[in-house]
Structures are given as structure tokens and as C-alpha cells.
């Protein structure tokens, strides 16, 4: 479903595997090495695999149900991962679904309680501060139903420590937010689908409108976003006819680190996750609808 490389190793996230959530491969030839992140309810097992990232030789993975952040390190032979730590997240983070490494050895998590845009937690999972605001024009509704807006504005996020660029792309609708935390700037880009649409319940939101974005990567040079643009109604009709639409999107949009549109790639596969290697001029993508899910593209 997702993939992320560090040096000559890459980890692929597998949401439907029977035993493990993660698989370690060599990079860029993708030779299988081992699996880790065992499924289960035991103290050394994971119940969900919500997000993950490399931080040097270390890989961190988020388990939303357990509200834990788990750390693995490459073994001496670099052909397997050793579980070395787990951190309980502060209850104030409220259903952490996405996470990135942030400034001063901290982590940044979108705040799904809706009373801010992000929660910043320290190395021990304790809340440092909440900051930012959901950039909706429906300010009165946001005040009345913050939890619904927190869910409805769920966003895929990524951060470049080198440039200080933080980006959030909404799952529903078509909103891209770009921060430069070093320059203290914030830009909100709204496409033709506009803000996320959802039916409001007191502490939840039922998706409506359209699914916009699917994954995001911020490199040292640009922002890459998978765009889907499929209406929820269209998905429901297809499902009722037992002809479900492919998972993922066929468009990858590229923006500058300031949020200016640069180019758009139209793919021949619907992909759920991407990994861009600008140095090699390659983009790797995962088509989970296929028995051969790994797809290689050349950047132009």
C-alpha cells in the first residue's frame, strides 16, 4: 500500500498480508529480505499499520489502535529489522493516523479532534503543543462540530527537514496546504473539488463529495501528490454493482516547495503509494489492484 526507501533498503507496507504488515527489500532491485511487524494483539505485535517512516537506520511505525509508535533498527547484516522500542502516545493526540518526524527530535500528528491542525509530541510521545487551524470557510460549523471536521479534513502529510517544508493533502475534496516552518509561511491551495464534503455527526463525519488525494511525498526539490478525483457516489454505485473501482489514483501532480504547480503525470495504473527517487530519475508506485503491484516510472 505504501513504500519508502532509505539508502539501499526499502520497506513496503502490506495492509492485507496474513502475518506481517511490513516487508524489507533491497533497493533499487527490490530483492526480498524479510518481513516484520507481526499482526496480533500481543505486547510485541501490531493491530494496525497506519503510517511509517525512516529516520536514518531506524524505522518508526504507527499503530493507531494501540496508540503506539514502534521503532525498529536494521540488524548487523542489514537483512532484517529488530524491534527496539515502543512509545505510548499522549491521549491528547486522539486517534493518530498519520505521523512525520519533525523539529528538535519531535513528531507531528494531524489533530483529529479538530481544535487545531496538528499535535506536536516529543521523543517520549508527550504533547508539546497544538498548532494551526483547519482552513475551512465554515468557521461556525467548525466551532460547533470540531470532531466532525477533524475527521472530514483527514490529510496525508510529509515533511522535509532540509527545507522546512511541511505539506498536507486532504483525502476528501482537493485542498493542499504548504508550510515553510523555517520562514513561517503557510499557503492554502484549493482545487476544483474544493473543501472536503461530509455529513456532520456530533463526533464523526460521513464522507461525501469526492475523494481527492491518496499519498504525498516531499523531496528536497518538489512536492509529489497522488490525485484520484473520484466521487463517493460513483464509488458506492460501482460497489453495489459488484464492480468496485480501482484503489488509488492515476494522476501524480508535482508542485514546487512553495506550492506552485509544475507538472502532472498521467499514469497507466491506479496507484496507492509512491516513492520518488529524483537522483535516479525514477518514481516507484504500488498498484494494489494488480498481482504485480510494483510499477516503475521514469521522471521527465
Protein backbone atom coordinates (compact mmCIF):
# COMPACT_ATOMS: atom_id res chain seq x y z
CA UNK A 1 0.00 0.00 0.00
CA UNK A 2 2.93 2.34 0.75
CA UNK A 3 6.66 2.18 0.16
CA UNK A 4 9.61 4.20 1.43
CA UNK A 5 13.34 3.78 0.80
CA UNK A 6 16.44 4.69 2.77
CA UNK A 7 19.82 4.16 1.15
CA UNK A 8 19.90 0.64 -0.30
CA UNK A 9 16.87 -0.63 1.64
CA UNK A 10 13.15 -0.15 1.06
CA UNK A 11 10.15 -1.12 3.19
CA UNK A 12 6.76 -1.90 1.66
CA UNK A 13 3.63 -1.69 3.80
CA UNK A 14 1.21 -4.60 3.35
CA UNK A 15 -2.25 -3.97 4.81
CA UNK A 16 -3.71 -7.32 3.75
CA UNK A 17 -0.92 -9.77 4.47
CA UNK A 18 -1.93 -12.60 6.84
CA UNK A 19 1.10 -12.42 9.15
CA UNK A 20 3.10 -9.18 8.86
CA UNK A 21 2.48 -5.54 7.97
CA UNK A 22 5.95 -4.74 6.60
CA UNK A 23 8.42 -6.30 4.17
CA UNK A 24 12.10 -5.35 3.79
CA UNK A 25 13.71 -5.37 0.33
CA UNK A 26 16.98 -4.26 -1.21
CA UNK A 27 16.85 -1.04 -3.23
CA UNK A 28 16.68 -0.40 -6.15
CA UNK A 29 16.47 -4.03 -7.29
CA UNK A 30 13.70 -4.97 -4.79
CA UNK A 31 15.11 -8.32 -3.69
CA UNK A 32 13.07 -9.66 -0.77
CA UNK A 33 14.91 -9.94 2.57
CA UNK A 34 12.45 -10.40 5.43
CA UNK A 35 9.11 -9.43 7.00
CA UNK A 36 8.37 -7.75 10.33
CA UNK A 37 5.56 -6.03 12.24
CA UNK A 38 3.66 -9.17 13.17
CA UNK A 39 -0.13 -8.93 13.25
CA UNK A 40 -1.87 -9.68 16.53
CA UNK A 41 -2.94 -8.37 19.91
CA UNK A 42 0.10 -9.45 21.92
CA UNK A 43 2.53 -6.95 23.51
CA UNK A 44 5.09 -7.45 20.73
CA UNK A 45 2.54 -7.43 17.91
CA UNK A 46 0.71 -4.71 15.96
CA UNK A 47 -3.03 -4.34 15.49
CA UNK A 48 -2.87 -1.71 12.74
CA UNK A 49 -0.30 -0.22 10.41
CA UNK A 50 -1.33 3.39 9.87
CA UNK A 51 1.85 5.21 8.85
CA UNK A 52 5.62 4.74 8.97
CA UNK A 53 8.87 6.48 8.09
CA UNK A 54 12.63 6.01 8.01
CA UNK A 55 14.78 8.13 10.29
CA UNK A 56 18.34 7.17 9.42
CA UNK A 57 18.88 3.43 10.01
CA UNK A 58 15.74 3.42 12.17
CA UNK A 59 12.18 2.80 11.02
CA UNK A 60 9.20 4.05 13.03
CA UNK A 61 5.68 2.64 12.59
CA UNK A 62 2.36 3.91 13.95
CA UNK A 63 -0.24 1.60 15.50
CA UNK A 64 -3.43 3.65 15.90
CA UNK A 65 -5.45 1.09 17.87
CA UNK A 66 -2.71 0.68 20.47
CA UNK A 67 -1.84 4.40 20.20
CA UNK A 68 1.81 3.39 19.95
CA UNK A 69 4.82 4.35 17.92
CA UNK A 70 7.12 1.35 17.39
CA UNK A 71 10.81 1.57 16.45
CA UNK A 72 12.84 -0.99 14.51
CA UNK A 73 16.52 -0.96 13.58
CA UNK A 74 18.37 -2.82 10.84
CA UNK A 75 20.34 -5.81 12.15
CA UNK A 76 24.09 -6.18 11.60
CA UNK A 77 23.63 -7.96 8.29
CA UNK A 78 21.04 -5.38 7.20
CA UNK A 79 18.71 -8.16 6.08
CA UNK A 80 16.19 -7.89 8.90
CA UNK A 81 14.65 -5.47 11.40
CA UNK A 82 14.98 -5.69 15.18
CA UNK A 83 12.18 -4.23 17.31
CA UNK A 84 13.90 -1.96 19.82
CA UNK A 85 11.31 0.38 21.36
CA UNK A 86 7.66 1.30 21.62
CA UNK A 87 6.30 4.67 22.73
CA UNK A 88 2.79 5.36 24.06
CA UNK A 89 1.32 8.48 22.53
CA UNK A 90 -0.27 11.17 24.67
CA UNK A 91 -4.07 10.78 24.86
CA UNK A 92 -4.37 14.36 23.65
CA UNK A 93 -3.27 13.22 20.17
CA UNK A 94 -6.67 11.50 19.71
CA UNK A 95 -6.60 8.74 17.10
CA UNK A 96 -3.25 9.30 15.41
CA UNK A 97 -3.47 8.09 11.81
CA UNK A 98 -0.55 9.90 10.17
CA UNK A 99 2.81 10.97 11.56
CA UNK A 100 6.10 12.53 10.40
CA UNK A 101 9.42 13.27 12.15
CA UNK A 102 9.60 16.98 12.94
CA UNK A 103 11.85 19.60 14.50
CA UNK A 104 14.04 19.03 17.56
CA UNK A 105 13.61 15.25 17.63
CA UNK A 106 9.81 15.53 17.86
CA UNK A 107 6.90 14.08 15.86
CA UNK A 108 3.98 15.81 14.15
CA UNK A 109 0.48 14.27 14.04
CA UNK A 110 -2.69 15.71 12.43
CA UNK A 111 -5.17 16.51 15.17
CA UNK A 112 -8.44 14.67 14.54
CA UNK A 113 -10.19 16.31 17.47
CA UNK A 114 -10.45 19.36 15.18
CA UNK A 115 -9.43 22.00 17.73
CA UNK A 116 -6.11 22.52 15.89
CA UNK A 117 -4.42 21.29 12.72
CA UNK A 118 -1.55 19.40 14.36
CA UNK A 119 -0.28 17.92 17.61
CA UNK A 120 3.46 18.06 18.17
CA UNK A 121 4.76 15.39 20.55
CA UNK A 122 8.23 14.84 21.99
CA UNK A 123 10.50 11.81 21.75
CA UNK A 124 8.53 10.15 24.58
CA UNK A 125 5.14 10.71 22.93
CA UNK A 126 4.13 13.56 25.27
CA UNK A 127 2.25 16.52 23.84
CA UNK A 128 4.44 19.61 23.36
CA UNK A 129 1.83 21.84 21.77
CA UNK A 130 -1.07 22.05 19.36
CA UNK A 131 -0.88 24.47 16.46
CA UNK A 132 -2.56 25.50 13.21
CA UNK A 133 -6.22 25.67 12.27
CA UNK A 134 -8.34 23.79 9.74
CA UNK A 135 -8.57 26.29 6.85
CA UNK A 136 -12.30 25.91 6.27
CA UNK A 137 -14.61 28.73 5.32
CA UNK A 138 -17.25 27.11 7.57
CA UNK A 139 -15.89 28.66 10.77
CA UNK A 140 -19.16 28.47 12.70
CA UNK A 141 -19.63 24.76 11.93
CA UNK A 142 -16.01 24.10 12.89
CA UNK A 143 -16.64 25.61 16.32
CA UNK A 144 -19.83 23.58 16.79
CA UNK A 145 -18.56 20.25 15.43
CA UNK A 146 -14.75 20.16 15.76
CA UNK A 147 -14.57 16.33 15.85
CA UNK A 148 -16.51 16.02 12.59
CA UNK A 149 -14.18 18.50 10.91
CA UNK A 150 -11.14 16.72 12.32
CA UNK A 151 -12.29 13.51 10.61
CA UNK A 152 -13.53 15.19 7.45
CA UNK A 153 -10.26 17.03 6.93
CA UNK A 154 -8.06 13.96 7.34
CA UNK A 155 -4.87 14.67 5.40
CA UNK A 156 -1.83 12.81 4.17
CA UNK A 157 1.28 14.65 5.39
CA UNK A 158 5.01 14.77 4.74
CA UNK A 159 7.89 16.95 5.89
CA UNK A 160 11.37 17.80 4.62
CA UNK A 161 13.73 18.68 7.46
CA UNK A 162 16.27 20.03 4.96
CA UNK A 163 13.98 22.73 3.56
CA UNK A 164 11.47 23.01 6.41
CA UNK A 165 8.60 22.22 4.02
CA UNK A 166 5.51 20.64 5.56
CA UNK A 167 2.63 19.61 3.30
CA UNK A 168 -0.88 18.28 3.99
CA UNK A 169 -3.16 16.94 1.24
CA UNK A 170 -6.80 16.24 2.12
CA UNK A 171 -8.23 12.78 1.49
CA UNK A 172 -11.64 14.29 0.68
CA UNK A 173 -12.02 17.32 -1.57
CA UNK A 174 -9.00 18.99 -3.09
CA UNK A 175 -7.04 21.09 -0.61
CA UNK A 176 -3.25 21.26 -0.41
CA UNK A 177 -1.58 23.14 2.43
CA UNK A 178 2.09 24.10 2.25
CA UNK A 179 4.05 25.43 5.22
CA UNK A 180 7.66 26.53 5.41
CA UNK A 181 8.30 26.29 9.13
CA UNK A 182 11.72 27.96 8.77
CA UNK A 183 10.25 31.03 7.06
CA UNK A 184 6.92 30.86 8.95
CA UNK A 185 4.79 30.84 5.79
CA UNK A 186 1.55 28.99 5.04
CA UNK A 187 -0.25 28.64 1.71
CA UNK A 188 -3.66 27.02 1.11
CA UNK A 189 -4.42 25.74 -2.41
CA UNK A 190 -8.00 24.70 -3.22
CA UNK A 191 -8.73 22.85 -6.47
CA UNK A 192 -11.97 22.32 -8.38
CA UNK A 193 -13.30 19.81 -5.82
CA UNK A 194 -12.95 22.47 -3.14
CA UNK A 195 -13.09 21.75 0.57
CA UNK A 196 -13.79 18.26 1.92
CA UNK A 197 -17.51 17.42 1.90
CA UNK A 198 -19.02 15.28 4.65
CA UNK A 199 -22.19 14.73 6.62
CA UNK A 200 -21.81 16.01 10.17
CA UNK A 201 -22.47 13.82 13.17
CA UNK A 202 -21.73 15.09 16.69
CA UNK A 203 -18.32 13.41 16.93
CA UNK A 204 -17.83 11.95 13.48
CA UNK A 205 -18.12 12.69 9.76
CA UNK A 206 -19.56 10.55 6.95
CA UNK A 207 -17.59 11.10 3.72
CA UNK A 208 -19.44 12.78 0.86
CA UNK A 209 -18.44 14.67 -2.26
CA UNK A 210 -15.27 13.18 -3.72
CA UNK A 211 -12.00 11.50 -2.77
CA UNK A 212 -9.20 13.82 -3.81
CA UNK A 213 -5.70 12.77 -2.74
CA UNK A 214 -4.16 9.38 -1.99
CA UNK A 215 -0.50 9.83 -0.97
CA UNK A 216 2.17 12.50 -0.79
CA UNK A 217 5.95 12.85 -0.80
CA UNK A 218 8.03 15.96 -0.16
CA UNK A 219 11.55 15.73 -1.58
CA UNK A 220 14.33 18.31 -1.31
CA UNK A 221 13.18 19.75 -4.65
CA UNK A 222 9.42 19.31 -5.03
CA UNK A 223 6.07 18.04 -3.74
CA UNK A 224 4.52 14.92 -5.33
CA UNK A 225 0.82 14.15 -4.75
CA UNK A 226 -1.35 11.28 -6.00
CA UNK A 227 -4.69 12.67 -7.17
CA UNK A 228 -7.76 10.45 -7.50
CA UNK A 229 -10.76 12.76 -8.02
CA UNK A 230 -13.49 10.08 -7.73
CA UNK A 231 -16.92 10.91 -6.29
CA UNK A 232 -18.13 8.96 -3.26
CA UNK A 233 -21.46 8.35 -5.03
CA UNK A 234 -19.69 6.89 -8.05
CA UNK A 235 -17.73 4.55 -5.76
CA UNK A 236 -20.90 3.42 -3.97
CA UNK A 237 -22.74 2.67 -7.23
CA UNK A 238 -19.80 0.66 -8.54
CA UNK A 239 -19.63 -1.30 -5.28
CA UNK A 240 -23.37 -2.05 -5.38
CA UNK A 241 -22.90 -3.45 -8.88
CA UNK A 242 -20.04 -5.63 -7.59
CA UNK A 243 -17.69 -3.77 -9.89
CA UNK A 244 -15.56 -1.80 -7.40
CA UNK A 245 -13.40 0.96 -8.81
CA UNK A 246 -9.61 0.51 -8.65
CA UNK A 247 -7.93 1.64 -5.45
CA UNK A 248 -5.69 4.68 -5.88
CA UNK A 249 -5.30 7.41 -8.46
CA UNK A 250 -3.89 7.68 -11.99
CA UNK A 251 -2.55 11.23 -11.69
CA UNK A 252 0.57 12.43 -9.87
CA UNK A 253 0.82 16.20 -9.53
CA UNK A 254 4.12 17.94 -8.94
CA UNK A 255 4.41 21.28 -7.13
CA UNK A 256 7.33 23.46 -6.18
CA UNK A 257 8.23 23.67 -2.49
CA UNK A 258 6.31 26.96 -2.49
CA UNK A 259 3.16 25.24 -3.79
CA UNK A 260 3.35 26.36 -7.41
CA UNK A 261 2.13 23.74 -9.96
CA UNK A 262 5.00 22.37 -12.06
CA UNK A 263 3.73 19.34 -13.99
CA UNK A 264 1.32 16.43 -13.99
CA UNK A 265 1.96 12.76 -14.75
CA UNK A 266 -0.91 10.66 -16.13
CA UNK A 267 -0.23 7.04 -15.24
CA UNK A 268 -1.33 3.77 -16.81
CA UNK A 269 -2.02 2.28 -13.37
CA UNK A 270 -4.15 3.34 -10.40
CA UNK A 271 -1.60 3.63 -7.60
CA UNK A 272 -1.99 4.00 -3.84
CA UNK A 273 1.57 4.92 -2.86
CA UNK A 274 4.66 6.44 -4.46
CA UNK A 275 8.36 6.77 -3.74
CA UNK A 276 10.25 9.36 -5.82
CA UNK A 277 14.00 8.98 -6.32
CA UNK A 278 14.94 12.24 -8.02
CA UNK A 279 18.65 11.40 -8.10
CA UNK A 280 17.93 8.28 -10.17
CA UNK A 281 15.13 9.98 -12.13
CA UNK A 282 12.67 7.28 -11.06
CA UNK A 283 9.26 7.09 -9.43
CA UNK A 284 8.18 3.79 -7.88
CA UNK A 285 4.47 3.20 -7.33
CA UNK A 286 2.21 0.49 -5.91
CA UNK A 287 -0.84 -0.75 -7.78
CA UNK A 288 -2.63 -2.88 -5.19
CA UNK A 289 -5.22 -3.87 -7.80
CA UNK A 290 -2.61 -5.97 -9.59
CA UNK A 291 -0.90 -9.28 -8.81
CA UNK A 292 2.34 -7.50 -9.75
CA UNK A 293 1.87 -4.30 -7.74
CA UNK A 294 5.28 -2.64 -8.08
CA UNK A 295 5.45 -0.22 -11.03
CA UNK A 296 8.50 1.76 -12.17
CA UNK A 297 8.23 5.13 -13.95
CA UNK A 298 10.88 7.42 -15.42
CA UNK A 299 10.63 11.07 -14.43
CA UNK A 300 10.73 13.65 -17.22
